[in-house]
Each structure stands twice: as C-alpha cells, then as structure tokens.
C-alpha cells in the first residue's frame, strides 16, 4: 500500500508501544471497511494492539488463535497470531513480531472468518 496525497498519516509508535502495520493490501482494505462499520471499536482495537497486543489474561474478545492458526509467518519469521473481535462478526488478526516490536495485521473483516470454523 503506497501512501500518497490525501492519505491519512498514522503516527509512529511512541516508546513502549508496538508499531501496527498491514501485512498486505487485503488487510488494509478490510481494516478500512471495519472502520467504516464500527469506527469506535476499530479505534479501540488499534489502541489495544498498540499497547497490549499479548494480554496476560485472555478474554473472549481478545485472545490468541488456536490450532493451526496459533502461528503465522511474516517475511519468513514465525509469529504468534492473535485475534480481536471488533464487532459481533468483525475480526482483526495480527502477528506479533517481537524482534521488531511490530504487530502485522494479517486479516481484518466485517464478517466472521471461516478459517476459524475448521481449526
């Protein structure tokens, strides 16, 4: 995703917070759709990912994915994969790249991901 004139500017992560980036264009597009549908919840998800991407106590709306979805790869590195339920159906999945203090959003959608139905 290239940034150009008129695009929103996201600030860099301050000290002690995680950088949040899109793993691909589909994730960015899904994030935009989710933001249009549930602006406040999507903003809260962004803050959560940035400040507490791996909570010590998982809750039903923020937890690590299970089974084959528990890990994902980004640029050859295997990372934990987590999920935030933004709305009843809307989800955000992200990988924790602990070496770079970066969370890579791999999936964002207003609909429930079918991949979780089979893991």
PDB file of N, CA and C in Angstrom:
ATOM      1  N   UNK A   1       0.850  -1.167   0.000  1.00  0.00           N
ATOM      2  CA  UNK A   1       0.000   0.000   0.000  1.00  0.00           C
ATOM      3  C   UNK A   1       0.895   1.228   0.000  1.00  0.00           C
ATOM      4  N   UNK A   2       0.753   2.034  -1.005  1.00  0.00           N
ATOM      5  CA  UNK A   2       1.555   3.242  -1.064  1.00  0.00           C
ATOM      6  C   UNK A   2       0.777   4.398  -0.454  1.00  0.00           C
ATOM      7  N   UNK A   3       1.514   5.294   0.128  1.00  0.00           N
ATOM      8  CA  UNK A   3       0.911   6.455   0.759  1.00  0.00           C
ATOM      9  C   UNK A   3       1.062   7.627  -0.189  1.00  0.00           C
ATOM     10  N   UNK A   4       0.006   8.365  -0.322  1.00  0.00           N
ATOM     11  CA  UNK A   4       0.047   9.494  -1.230  1.00  0.00           C
ATOM     12  C   UNK A   4      -0.733  10.676  -0.718  1.00  0.00           C
ATOM     13  N   UNK A   5      -0.854  11.657  -1.549  1.00  0.00           N
ATOM     14  CA  UNK A   5      -1.556  12.877  -1.191  1.00  0.00           C
ATOM     15  C   UNK A   5      -2.975  12.574  -0.736  1.00  0.00           C
ATOM     16  N   UNK A   6      -3.363  13.118   0.392  1.00  0.00           N
ATOM     17  CA  UNK A   6      -4.713  12.927   0.906  1.00  0.00           C
ATOM     18  C   UNK A   6      -4.872  11.717   1.800  1.00  0.00           C
ATOM     19  N   UNK A   7      -3.872  10.798   1.846  1.00  0.00           N
ATOM     20  CA  UNK A   7      -3.971   9.627   2.716  1.00  0.00           C
ATOM     21  C   UNK A   7      -3.770  10.029   4.168  1.00  0.00           C
ATOM     22  N   UNK A   8      -4.399   9.291   5.045  1.00  0.00           N
ATOM     23  CA  UNK A   8      -4.275   9.541   6.477  1.00  0.00           C
ATOM     24  C   UNK A   8      -2.851   9.232   6.936  1.00  0.00           C
ATOM     25  N   UNK A   9      -2.324  10.040   7.833  1.00  0.00           N
ATOM     26  CA  UNK A   9      -0.987   9.821   8.380  1.00  0.00           C
ATOM     27  C   UNK A   9      -1.108   9.179   9.753  1.00  0.00           C
ATOM     28  N   UNK A  10      -0.565   7.982   9.908  1.00  0.00           N
ATOM     29  CA  UNK A  10      -0.551   7.315  11.213  1.00  0.00           C
ATOM     30  C   UNK A  10       0.750   7.682  11.914  1.00  0.00           C
ATOM     31  N   UNK A  11       0.665   8.080  13.166  1.00  0.00           N
ATOM     32  CA  UNK A  11       1.899   8.448  13.865  1.00  0.00           C
ATOM     33  C   UNK A  11       2.746   7.216  14.163  1.00  0.00           C
ATOM     34  N   UNK A  12       4.056   7.376  14.225  1.00  0.00           N
ATOM     35  CA  UNK A  12       4.906   6.256  14.637  1.00  0.00           C
ATOM     36  C   UNK A  12       4.631   5.921  16.095  1.00  0.00           C
ATOM     37  N   UNK A  13       4.869   4.679  16.457  1.00  0.00           N
ATOM     38  CA  UNK A  13       4.608   4.249  17.828  1.00  0.00           C
ATOM     39  C   UNK A  13       5.544   4.962  18.791  1.00  0.00           C
ATOM     40  N   UNK A  14       5.001   5.506  19.884  1.00  0.00           N
ATOM     41  CA  UNK A  14       5.866   6.098  20.895  1.00  0.00           C
ATOM     42  C   UNK A  14       6.611   5.012  21.658  1.00  0.00           C
ATOM     43  N   UNK A  15       7.597   5.415  22.431  1.00  0.00           N
ATOM     44  CA  UNK A  15       8.410   4.489  23.228  1.00  0.00           C
ATOM     45  C   UNK A  15       7.509   3.586  24.060  1.00  0.00           C
ATOM     46  N   UNK A  16       7.752   2.289  24.025  1.00  0.00           N
ATOM     47  CA  UNK A  16       6.997   1.347  24.834  1.00  0.00           C
ATOM     48  C   UNK A  16       5.733   0.822  24.181  1.00  0.00           C
ATOM     49  N   UNK A  17       5.405   1.296  22.985  1.00  0.00           N
ATOM     50  CA  UNK A  17       4.230   0.790  22.281  1.00  0.00           C
ATOM     51  C   UNK A  17       4.659   0.073  21.002  1.00  0.00           C
ATOM     52  N   UNK A  18       3.762  -0.720  20.497  1.00  0.00           N
ATOM     53  CA  UNK A  18       4.044  -1.521  19.310  1.00  0.00           C
ATOM     54  C   UNK A  18       3.667  -0.751  18.044  1.00  0.00           C
ATOM     55  N   UNK A  19       4.465  -0.958  17.028  1.00  0.00           N
ATOM     56  CA  UNK A  19       4.130  -0.432  15.709  1.00  0.00           C
ATOM     57  C   UNK A  19       3.034  -1.336  15.138  1.00  0.00           C
ATOM     58  N   UNK A  20       2.052  -0.760  14.476  1.00  0.00           N
ATOM     59  CA  UNK A  20       0.972  -1.543  13.868  1.00  0.00           C
ATOM     60  C   UNK A  20       1.036  -1.311  12.360  1.00  0.00           C
ATOM     61  N   UNK A  21       1.185  -2.398  11.621  1.00  0.00           N
ATOM     62  CA  UNK A  21       1.301  -2.312  10.158  1.00  0.00           C
ATOM     63  C   UNK A  21       0.435  -3.380   9.503  1.00  0.00           C
ATOM     64  N   UNK A  22       0.088  -3.129   8.257  1.00  0.00           N
ATOM     65  CA  UNK A  22      -0.685  -4.101   7.491  1.00  0.00           C
ATOM     66  C   UNK A  22       0.264  -5.062   6.799  1.00  0.00           C
ATOM     67  N   UNK A  23      -0.064  -6.357   6.878  1.00  0.00           N
ATOM     68  CA  UNK A  23       0.763  -7.356   6.218  1.00  0.00           C
ATOM     69  C   UNK A  23       0.562  -7.331   4.713  1.00  0.00           C
ATOM     70  N   UNK A  24      -0.632  -6.932   4.281  1.00  0.00           N
ATOM     71  CA  UNK A  24      -0.895  -6.876   2.834  1.00  0.00           C
ATOM     72  C   UNK A  24      -2.047  -5.913   2.548  1.00  0.00           C
ATOM     73  N   UNK A  25      -2.305  -5.719   1.285  1.00  0.00           N
ATOM     74  CA  UNK A  25      -3.340  -4.768   0.865  1.00  0.00           C
ATOM     75  C   UNK A  25      -4.735  -5.231   1.270  1.00  0.00           C
ATOM     76  N   UNK A  26      -4.967  -6.535   1.272  1.00  0.00           N
ATOM     77  CA  UNK A  26      -6.278  -7.046   1.661  1.00  0.00           C
ATOM     78  C   UNK A  26      -6.582  -6.715   3.118  1.00  0.00           C
ATOM     79  N   UNK A  27      -5.582  -6.824   3.973  1.00  0.00           N
ATOM     80  CA  UNK A  27      -5.766  -6.485   5.387  1.00  0.00           C
ATOM     81  C   UNK A  27      -6.063  -4.997   5.541  1.00  0.00           C
ATOM     82  N   UNK A  28      -5.378  -4.153   4.782  1.00  0.00           N
ATOM     83  CA  UNK A  28      -5.622  -2.708   4.840  1.00  0.00           C
ATOM     84  C   UNK A  28      -7.032  -2.378   4.370  1.00  0.00           C
ATOM     85  N   UNK A  29      -7.453  -3.025   3.303  1.00  0.00           N
ATOM     86  CA  UNK A  29      -8.800  -2.792   2.769  1.00  0.00           C
ATOM     87  C   UNK A  29      -9.859  -3.255   3.774  1.00  0.00           C
ATOM     88  N   UNK A  30      -9.634  -4.417   4.374  1.00  0.00           N
ATOM     89  CA  UNK A  30     -10.558  -4.919   5.385  1.00  0.00           C
ATOM     90  C   UNK A  30     -10.633  -4.010   6.599  1.00  0.00           C
ATOM     91  N   UNK A  31      -9.482  -3.462   6.982  1.00  0.00           N
ATOM     92  CA  UNK A  31      -9.418  -2.540   8.122  1.00  0.00           C
ATOM     93  C   UNK A  31     -10.261  -1.292   7.821  1.00  0.00           C
ATOM     94  N   UNK A  32     -10.156  -0.783   6.626  1.00  0.00           N
ATOM     95  CA  UNK A  32     -10.935   0.400   6.250  1.00  0.00           C
ATOM     96  C   UNK A  32     -12.430   0.099   6.307  1.00  0.00           C
ATOM     97  N   UNK A  33     -12.830  -1.073   5.829  1.00  0.00           N
ATOM     98  CA  UNK A  33     -14.243  -1.462   5.879  1.00  0.00           C
ATOM     99  C   UNK A  33     -14.712  -1.586   7.327  1.00  0.00           C
ATOM    100  N   UNK A  34     -13.878  -2.185   8.133  1.00  0.00           N
ATOM    101  CA  UNK A  34     -14.217  -2.348   9.548  1.00  0.00           C
ATOM    102  C   UNK A  34     -14.347  -0.987  10.228  1.00  0.00           C
ATOM    103  N   UNK A  35     -13.459  -0.075   9.886  1.00  0.00           N
ATOM    104  CA  UNK A  35     -13.504   1.271  10.447  1.00  0.00           C
ATOM    105  C   UNK A  35     -14.764   2.026  10.037  1.00  0.00           C
ATOM    106  N   UNK A  36     -15.205   1.820   8.813  1.00  0.00           N
ATOM    107  CA  UNK A  36     -16.444   2.470   8.367  1.00  0.00           C
ATOM    108  C   UNK A  36     -17.653   1.897   9.105  1.00  0.00           C
ATOM    109  N   UNK A  37     -17.628   0.593   9.376  1.00  0.00           N
ATOM    110  CA  UNK A  37     -18.757  -0.056  10.042  1.00  0.00           C
ATOM    111  C   UNK A  37     -18.778   0.204  11.543  1.00  0.00           C
ATOM    112  N   UNK A  38     -17.623   0.180  12.183  1.00  0.00           N
ATOM    113  CA  UNK A  38     -17.552   0.309  13.650  1.00  0.00           C
ATOM    114  C   UNK A  38     -16.341   1.147  14.016  1.00  0.00           C
ATOM    115  N   UNK A  39     -16.438   2.433  13.783  1.00  0.00           N
ATOM    116  CA  UNK A  39     -15.313   3.351  13.963  1.00  0.00           C
ATOM    117  C   UNK A  39     -14.715   3.286  15.371  1.00  0.00           C
ATOM    118  N   UNK A  40     -15.548   3.428  16.398  1.00  0.00           N
ATOM    119  CA  UNK A  40     -15.032   3.452  17.776  1.00  0.00           C
ATOM    120  C   UNK A  40     -14.385   2.120  18.163  1.00  0.00           C
ATOM    121  N   UNK A  41     -15.031   1.025  17.814  1.00  0.00           N
ATOM    122  CA  UNK A  41     -14.483  -0.290  18.165  1.00  0.00           C
ATOM    123  C   UNK A  41     -13.166  -0.551  17.425  1.00  0.00           C
ATOM    124  N   UNK A  42     -13.083  -0.112  16.181  1.00  0.00           N
ATOM    125  CA  UNK A  42     -11.853  -0.302  15.418  1.00  0.00           C
ATOM    126  C   UNK A  42     -10.730   0.540  16.021  1.00  0.00           C
ATOM    127  N   UNK A  43     -11.056   1.739  16.443  1.00  0.00           N
ATOM    128  CA  UNK A  43     -10.052   2.589  17.103  1.00  0.00           C
ATOM    129  C   UNK A  43      -9.567   1.936  18.399  1.00  0.00           C
ATOM    130  N   UNK A  44     -10.508   1.406  19.193  1.00  0.00           N
ATOM    131  CA  UNK A  44     -10.113   0.736  20.438  1.00  0.00           C
ATOM    132  C   UNK A  44      -9.240  -0.487  20.146  1.00  0.00           C
ATOM    133  N   UNK A  45      -9.562  -1.211  19.075  1.00  0.00           N
ATOM    134  CA  UNK A  45      -8.738  -2.363  18.693  1.00  0.00           C
ATOM    135  C   UNK A  45      -7.323  -1.909  18.355  1.00  0.00           C
ATOM    136  N   UNK A  46      -7.211  -0.807  17.632  1.00  0.00           N
ATOM    137  CA  UNK A  46      -5.884  -0.271  17.259  1.00  0.00           C
ATOM    138  C   UNK A  46      -5.085   0.105  18.512  1.00  0.00           C
ATOM    139  N   UNK A  47      -5.741   0.759  19.463  1.00  0.00           N
ATOM    140  CA  UNK A  47      -5.067   1.126  20.710  1.00  0.00           C
ATOM    141  C   UNK A  47      -4.636  -0.130  21.465  1.00  0.00           C
ATOM    142  N   UNK A  48      -5.515  -1.125  21.512  1.00  0.00           N
ATOM    143  CA  UNK A  48      -5.192  -2.373  22.214  1.00  0.00           C
ATOM    144  C   UNK A  48      -4.003  -3.066  21.563  1.00  0.00           C
ATOM    145  N   UNK A  49      -4.014  -3.152  20.251  1.00  0.00           N
ATOM    146  CA  UNK A  49      -2.900  -3.803  19.545  1.00  0.00           C
ATOM    147  C   UNK A  49      -1.607  -3.040  19.822  1.00  0.00           C
ATOM    148  N   UNK A  50      -1.709  -1.759  19.847  1.00  0.00           N
ATOM    149  CA  UNK A  50      -0.522  -0.926  20.033  1.00  0.00           C
ATOM    150  C   UNK A  50       0.032  -0.971  21.460  1.00  0.00           C
ATOM    151  N   UNK A  51      -0.857  -1.100  22.445  1.00  0.00           N
ATOM    152  CA  UNK A  51      -0.408  -1.005  23.836  1.00  0.00           C
ATOM    153  C   UNK A  51      -0.341  -2.338  24.577  1.00  0.00           C
ATOM    154  N   UNK A  52      -1.193  -3.294  24.196  1.00  0.00           N
ATOM    155  CA  UNK A  52      -1.248  -4.564  24.921  1.00  0.00           C
ATOM    156  C   UNK A  52      -1.607  -5.693  23.959  1.00  0.00           C
ATOM    157  N   UNK A  53      -0.737  -5.964  22.990  1.00  0.00           N
ATOM    158  CA  UNK A  53      -1.095  -6.962  21.973  1.00  0.00           C
ATOM    159  C   UNK A  53      -1.111  -8.399  22.495  1.00  0.00           C
ATOM    160  N   UNK A  54      -0.432  -8.651  23.595  1.00  0.00           N
ATOM    161  CA  UNK A  54      -0.396 -10.003  24.179  1.00  0.00           C
ATOM    162  C   UNK A  54      -0.809  -9.882  25.646  1.00  0.00           C
ATOM    163  N   UNK A  55      -2.122  -9.801  25.904  1.00  0.00           N
ATOM    164  CA  UNK A  55      -2.572  -9.619  27.290  1.00  0.00           C
ATOM    165  C   UNK A  55      -2.237 -10.846  28.140  1.00  0.00           C
ATOM    166  N   UNK A  56      -1.961 -10.594  29.401  1.00  0.00           N
ATOM    167  CA  UNK A  56      -1.641 -11.710  30.296  1.00  0.00           C
ATOM    168  C   UNK A  56      -2.882 -12.549  30.576  1.00  0.00           C
ATOM    169  N   UNK A  57      -4.033 -11.920  30.594  1.00  0.00           N
ATOM    170  CA  UNK A  57      -5.294 -12.643  30.774  1.00  0.00           C
ATOM    171  C   UNK A  57      -6.125 -12.487  29.503  1.00  0.00           C
ATOM    172  N   UNK A  58      -6.233 -13.579  28.754  1.00  0.00           N
ATOM    173  CA  UNK A  58      -7.028 -13.531  27.540  1.00  0.00           C
ATOM    174  C   UNK A  58      -8.505 -13.422  27.891  1.00  0.00           C
ATOM    175  N   UNK A  59      -9.240 -12.718  27.075  1.00  0.00           N
ATOM    176  CA  UNK A  59     -10.685 -12.582  27.241  1.00  0.00           C
ATOM    177  C   UNK A  59     -11.335 -13.046  25.938  1.00  0.00           C
ATOM    178  N   UNK A  60     -12.637 -13.337  25.978  1.00  0.00           N
ATOM    179  CA  UNK A  60     -13.274 -13.853  24.767  1.00  0.00           C
ATOM    180  C   UNK A  60     -13.108 -12.946  23.532  1.00  0.00           C
ATOM    181  N   UNK A  61     -13.022 -11.637  23.729  1.00  0.00           N
ATOM    182  CA  UNK A  61     -12.906 -10.727  22.579  1.00  0.00           C
ATOM    183  C   UNK A  61     -11.460 -10.437  22.171  1.00  0.00           C
ATOM    184  N   UNK A  62     -10.507 -10.911  22.958  1.00  0.00           N
ATOM    185  CA  UNK A  62      -9.094 -10.706  22.619  1.00  0.00           C
ATOM    186  C   UNK A  62      -8.315 -11.918  23.084  1.00  0.00           C
ATOM    187  N   UNK A  63      -7.933 -12.733  22.147  1.00  0.00           N
ATOM    188  CA  UNK A  63      -7.250 -13.968  22.514  1.00  0.00           C
ATOM    189  C   UNK A  63      -6.359 -14.453  21.375  1.00  0.00           C
ATOM    190  N   UNK A  64      -5.475 -15.366  21.738  1.00  0.00           N
ATOM    191  CA  UNK A  64      -4.611 -15.983  20.737  1.00  0.00           C
ATOM    192  C   UNK A  64      -5.427 -17.023  19.978  1.00  0.00           C
ATOM    193  N   UNK A  65      -5.215 -17.087  18.678  1.00  0.00           N
ATOM    194  CA  UNK A  65      -5.901 -18.088  17.878  1.00  0.00           C
ATOM    195  C   UNK A  65      -5.355 -19.469  18.229  1.00  0.00           C
ATOM    196  N   UNK A  66      -6.137 -20.473  17.951  1.00  0.00           N
ATOM    197  CA  UNK A  66      -5.790 -21.838  18.349  1.00  0.00           C
ATOM    198  C   UNK A  66      -5.483 -22.716  17.134  1.00  0.00           C
ATOM    199  N   UNK A  67      -4.932 -23.885  17.432  1.00  0.00           N
ATOM    200  CA  UNK A  67      -4.657 -24.876  16.386  1.00  0.00           C
ATOM    201  C   UNK A  67      -3.675 -24.367  15.348  1.00  0.00           C
ATOM    202  N   UNK A  68      -3.997 -24.665  14.100  1.00  0.00           N
ATOM    203  CA  UNK A  68      -3.095 -24.277  13.011  1.00  0.00           C
ATOM    204  C   UNK A  68      -3.027 -22.763  12.816  1.00  0.00           C
ATOM    205  N   UNK A  69      -3.956 -22.030  13.403  1.00  0.00           N
ATOM    206  CA  UNK A  69      -3.968 -20.568  13.279  1.00  0.00           C
ATOM    207  C   UNK A  69      -3.191 -19.877  14.407  1.00  0.00           C
ATOM    208  N   UNK A  70      -2.681 -20.631  15.356  1.00  0.00           N
ATOM    209  CA  UNK A  70      -1.971 -20.046  16.503  1.00  0.00           C
ATOM    210  C   UNK A  70      -0.683 -19.341  16.098  1.00  0.00           C
ATOM    211  N   UNK A  71      -0.139 -19.740  14.954  1.00  0.00           N
ATOM    212  CA  UNK A  71       1.069 -19.108  14.436  1.00  0.00           C
ATOM    213  C   UNK A  71       0.866 -18.726  12.977  1.00  0.00           C
ATOM    214  N   UNK A  72       1.595 -17.741  12.574  1.00  0.00           N
ATOM    215  CA  UNK A  72       1.619 -17.344  11.177  1.00  0.00           C
ATOM    216  C   UNK A  72       3.030 -16.917  10.840  1.00  0.00           C
ATOM    217  N   UNK A  73       3.293 -16.714   9.578  1.00  0.00           N
ATOM    218  CA  UNK A  73       4.624 -16.283   9.176  1.00  0.00           C
ATOM    219  C   UNK A  73       4.535 -14.945   8.455  1.00  0.00           C
ATOM    220  N   UNK A  74       5.521 -14.126   8.723  1.00  0.00           N
ATOM    221  CA  UNK A  74       5.651 -12.863   8.017  1.00  0.00           C
ATOM    222  C   UNK A  74       7.115 -12.678   7.674  1.00  0.00           C
ATOM    223  N   UNK A  75       7.382 -12.579   6.385  1.00  0.00           N
ATOM    224  CA  UNK A  75       8.751 -12.423   5.884  1.00  0.00           C
ATOM    225  C   UNK A  75       9.667 -13.508   6.436  1.00  0.00           C
ATOM    226  N   UNK A  76       9.155 -14.738   6.459  1.00  0.00           N
ATOM    227  CA  UNK A  76       9.947 -15.886   6.872  1.00  0.00           C
ATOM    228  C   UNK A  76      10.048 -16.105   8.364  1.00  0.00           C
ATOM    229  N   UNK A  77       9.466 -15.223   9.150  1.00  0.00           N
ATOM    230  CA  UNK A  77       9.537 -15.349  10.599  1.00  0.00           C
ATOM    231  C   UNK A  77       8.204 -15.865  11.136  1.00  0.00           C
ATOM    232  N   UNK A  78       8.260 -16.900  11.977  1.00  0.00           N
ATOM    233  CA  UNK A  78       7.058 -17.447  12.594  1.00  0.00           C
ATOM    234  C   UNK A  78       6.702 -16.618  13.825  1.00  0.00           C
ATOM    235  N   UNK A  79       5.430 -16.219  13.908  1.00  0.00           N
ATOM    236  CA  UNK A  79       4.968 -15.336  14.985  1.00  0.00           C
ATOM    237  C   UNK A  79       3.655 -15.862  15.568  1.00  0.00           C
ATOM    238  N   UNK A  80       3.388 -15.483  16.822  1.00  0.00           N
ATOM    239  CA  UNK A  80       2.085 -15.770  17.424  1.00  0.00           C
ATOM    240  C   UNK A  80       1.021 -14.986  16.669  1.00  0.00           C
ATOM    241  N   UNK A  81      -0.152 -15.615  16.529  1.00  0.00           N
ATOM    242  CA  UNK A  81      -1.250 -14.917  15.863  1.00  0.00           C
ATOM    243  C   UNK A  81      -2.402 -14.725  16.857  1.00  0.00           C
ATOM    244  N   UNK A  82      -2.875 -13.513  16.952  1.00  0.00           N
ATOM    245  CA  UNK A  82      -3.921 -13.138  17.886  1.00  0.00           C
ATOM    246  C   UNK A  82      -5.129 -12.589  17.160  1.00  0.00           C
ATOM    247  N   UNK A  83      -6.249 -12.548  17.894  1.00  0.00           N
ATOM    248  CA  UNK A  83      -7.496 -12.050  17.320  1.00  0.00           C
ATOM    249  C   UNK A  83      -8.163 -11.085  18.280  1.00  0.00           C
ATOM    250  N   UNK A  84      -8.724 -10.039  17.722  1.00  0.00           N
ATOM    251  CA  UNK A  84      -9.613  -9.145  18.464  1.00  0.00           C
ATOM    252  C   UNK A  84     -10.956  -9.162  17.756  1.00  0.00           C
ATOM    253  N   UNK A  85     -12.007  -9.405  18.515  1.00  0.00           N
ATOM    254  CA  UNK A  85     -13.357  -9.354  17.976  1.00  0.00           C
ATOM    255  C   UNK A  85     -13.820  -7.904  18.076  1.00  0.00           C
ATOM    256  N   UNK A  86     -13.866  -7.239  16.973  1.00  0.00           N
ATOM    257  CA  UNK A  86     -14.193  -5.816  16.934  1.00  0.00           C
ATOM    258  C   UNK A  86     -15.697  -5.601  17.012  1.00  0.00           C
ATOM    259  N   UNK A  87     -16.432  -6.471  16.333  1.00  0.00           N
ATOM    260  CA  UNK A  87     -17.900  -6.444  16.386  1.00  0.00           C
ATOM    261  C   UNK A  87     -18.368  -7.887  16.538  1.00  0.00           C
ATOM    262  N   UNK A  88     -19.673  -8.101  16.470  1.00  0.00           N
ATOM    263  CA  UNK A  88     -20.193  -9.463  16.566  1.00  0.00           C
ATOM    264  C   UNK A  88     -19.579 -10.386  15.527  1.00  0.00           C
ATOM    265  N   UNK A  89     -19.384  -9.906  14.315  1.00  0.00           N
ATOM    266  CA  UNK A  89     -18.773 -10.700  13.258  1.00  0.00           C
ATOM    267  C   UNK A  89     -17.391 -10.214  12.861  1.00  0.00           C
ATOM    268  N   UNK A  90     -17.117  -8.940  13.077  1.00  0.00           N
ATOM    269  CA  UNK A  90     -15.871  -8.339  12.627  1.00  0.00           C
ATOM    270  C   UNK A  90     -14.670  -8.779  13.445  1.00  0.00           C
ATOM    271  N   UNK A  91     -13.601  -9.104  12.743  1.00  0.00           N
ATOM    272  CA  UNK A  91     -12.401  -9.596  13.406  1.00  0.00           C
ATOM    273  C   UNK A  91     -11.154  -8.920  12.847  1.00  0.00           C
ATOM    274  N   UNK A  92     -10.138  -8.865  13.709  1.00  0.00           N
ATOM    275  CA  UNK A  92      -8.800  -8.447  13.300  1.00  0.00           C
ATOM    276  C   UNK A  92      -7.845  -9.525  13.784  1.00  0.00           C
ATOM    277  N   UNK A  93      -7.034 -10.024  12.881  1.00  0.00           N
ATOM    278  CA  UNK A  93      -5.968 -10.965  13.234  1.00  0.00           C
ATOM    279  C   UNK A  93      -4.642 -10.251  13.040  1.00  0.00           C
ATOM    280  N   UNK A  94      -3.717 -10.525  13.936  1.00  0.00           N
ATOM    281  CA  UNK A  94      -2.406  -9.913  13.789  1.00  0.00           C
ATOM    282  C   UNK A  94      -1.322 -10.837  14.309  1.00  0.00           C
ATOM    283  N   UNK A  95      -0.143 -10.661  13.760  1.00  0.00           N
ATOM    284  CA  UNK A  95       1.042 -11.417  14.166  1.00  0.00           C
ATOM    285  C   UNK A  95       1.902 -10.542  15.047  1.00  0.00           C
ATOM    286  N   UNK A  96       2.458 -11.141  16.080  1.00  0.00           N
ATOM    287  CA  UNK A  96       3.375 -10.435  16.976  1.00  0.00           C
ATOM    288  C   UNK A  96       4.811 -10.667  16.519  1.00  0.00           C
ATOM    289  N   UNK A  97       5.414  -9.653  15.978  1.00  0.00           N
ATOM    290  CA  UNK A  97       6.820  -9.713  15.593  1.00  0.00           C
ATOM    291  C   UNK A  97       7.612  -9.101  16.744  1.00  0.00           C
ATOM    292  N   UNK A  98       7.983  -9.943  17.705  1.00  0.00           N
ATOM    293  CA  UNK A  98       8.630  -9.437  18.921  1.00  0.00           C
ATOM    294  C   UNK A  98      10.018  -8.869  18.640  1.00  0.00           C
ATOM    295  N   UNK A  99      10.675  -9.352  17.603  1.00  0.00           N
ATOM    296  CA  UNK A  99      12.014  -8.847  17.284  1.00  0.00           C
ATOM    297  C   UNK A  99      11.968  -7.389  16.833  1.00  0.00           C
ATOM    298  N   UNK A 100      10.866  -7.003  16.199  1.00  0.00           N
ATOM    299  CA  UNK A 100      10.749  -5.634  15.679  1.00  0.00           C
ATOM    300  C   UNK A 100       9.718  -4.804  16.433  1.00  0.00           C
ATOM    301  N   UNK A 101       9.148  -5.348  17.510  1.00  0.00           N
ATOM    302  CA  UNK A 101       8.079  -4.659  18.250  1.00  0.00           C
ATOM    303  C   UNK A 101       6.986  -4.172  17.295  1.00  0.00           C
ATOM    304  N   UNK A 102       6.601  -5.044  16.388  1.00  0.00           N
ATOM    305  CA  UNK A 102       5.612  -4.698  15.369  1.00  0.00           C
ATOM    306  C   UNK A 102       4.509  -5.747  15.342  1.00  0.00           C
ATOM    307  N   UNK A 103       3.275  -5.277  15.225  1.00  0.00           N
ATOM    308  CA  UNK A 103       2.128  -6.155  15.015  1.00  0.00           C
ATOM    309  C   UNK A 103       1.716  -6.018  13.560  1.00  0.00           C
ATOM    310  N   UNK A 104       1.687  -7.140  12.868  1.00  0.00           N
ATOM    311  CA  UNK A 104       1.311  -7.168  11.456  1.00  0.00           C
ATOM    312  C   UNK A 104      -0.133  -7.608  11.336  1.00  0.00           C
ATOM    313  N   UNK A 105      -0.995  -6.726  10.918  1.00  0.00           N
ATOM    314  CA  UNK A 105      -2.396  -7.094  10.715  1.00  0.00           C
ATOM    315  C   UNK A 105      -2.472  -7.939   9.452  1.00  0.00           C
ATOM    316  N   UNK A 106      -2.904  -9.184   9.642  1.00  0.00           N
ATOM    317  CA  UNK A 106      -2.964 -10.120   8.518  1.00  0.00           C
ATOM    318  C   UNK A 106      -4.371 -10.286   7.976  1.00  0.00           C
ATOM    319  N   UNK A 107      -5.358  -9.927   8.800  1.00  0.00           N
ATOM    320  CA  UNK A 107      -6.749 -10.095   8.386  1.00  0.00           C
ATOM    321  C   UNK A 107      -7.591  -9.087   9.140  1.00  0.00           C
ATOM    322  N   UNK A 108      -8.483  -8.454   8.438  1.00  0.00           N
ATOM    323  CA  UNK A 108      -9.474  -7.574   9.054  1.00  0.00           C
ATOM    324  C   UNK A 108     -10.712  -7.654   8.184  1.00  0.00           C
ATOM    325  N   UNK A 109     -11.844  -7.846   8.840  1.00  0.00           N
ATOM    326  CA  UNK A 109     -13.072  -8.004   8.063  1.00  0.00           C
ATOM    327  C   UNK A 109     -14.280  -7.682   8.926  1.00  0.00           C
ATOM    328  N   UNK A 110     -15.337  -7.255   8.261  1.00  0.00           N
ATOM    329  CA  UNK A 110     -16.600  -7.025   8.956  1.00  0.00           C
ATOM    330  C   UNK A 110     -17.350  -8.338   9.162  1.00  0.00           C
ATOM    331  N   UNK A 111     -16.917  -9.379   8.468  1.00  0.00           N
ATOM    332  CA  UNK A 111     -17.574 -10.682   8.586  1.00  0.00           C
ATOM    333  C   UNK A 111     -16.723 -11.677   9.351  1.00  0.00           C
ATOM    334  N   UNK A 112     -17.361 -12.686   9.871  1.00  0.00           N
ATOM    335  CA  UNK A 112     -16.670 -13.725  10.629  1.00  0.00           C
ATOM    336  C   UNK A 112     -15.784 -14.548   9.694  1.00  0.00           C
ATOM    337  N   UNK A 113     -14.514 -14.736  10.055  1.00  0.00           N
ATOM    338  CA  UNK A 113     -13.619 -15.515   9.196  1.00  0.00           C
ATOM    339  C   UNK A 113     -13.963 -17.007   9.238  1.00  0.00           C
ATOM    340  N   UNK A 114     -14.116 -17.589   8.071  1.00  0.00           N
ATOM    341  CA  UNK A 114     -14.467 -19.013   8.015  1.00  0.00           C
ATOM    342  C   UNK A 114     -13.311 -19.905   8.455  1.00  0.00           C
ATOM    343  N   UNK A 115     -12.106 -19.412   8.393  1.00  0.00           N
ATOM    344  CA  UNK A 115     -10.943 -20.233   8.769  1.00  0.00           C
ATOM    345  C   UNK A 115     -11.030 -20.705  10.215  1.00  0.00           C
ATOM    346  N   UNK A 116     -11.676 -19.931  11.086  1.00  0.00           N
ATOM    347  CA  UNK A 116     -11.763 -20.354  12.488  1.00  0.00           C
ATOM    348  C   UNK A 116     -12.777 -21.476  12.678  1.00  0.00           C
ATOM    349  N   UNK A 117     -13.614 -21.706  11.704  1.00  0.00           N
ATOM    350  CA  UNK A 117     -14.606 -22.775  11.813  1.00  0.00           C
ATOM    351  C   UNK A 117     -13.982 -24.157  11.692  1.00  0.00           C
ATOM    352  N   UNK A 118     -12.802 -24.254  11.089  1.00  0.00           N
ATOM    353  CA  UNK A 118     -12.190 -25.569  10.875  1.00  0.00           C
ATOM    354  C   UNK A 118     -10.963 -25.824  11.745  1.00  0.00           C
ATOM    355  N   UNK A 119     -10.536 -24.865  12.556  1.00  0.00           N
ATOM    356  CA  UNK A 119      -9.339 -25.115  13.383  1.00  0.00           C
ATOM    357  C   UNK A 119      -9.748 -25.578  14.754  1.00  0.00           C
TER     358      UNK A 119
END
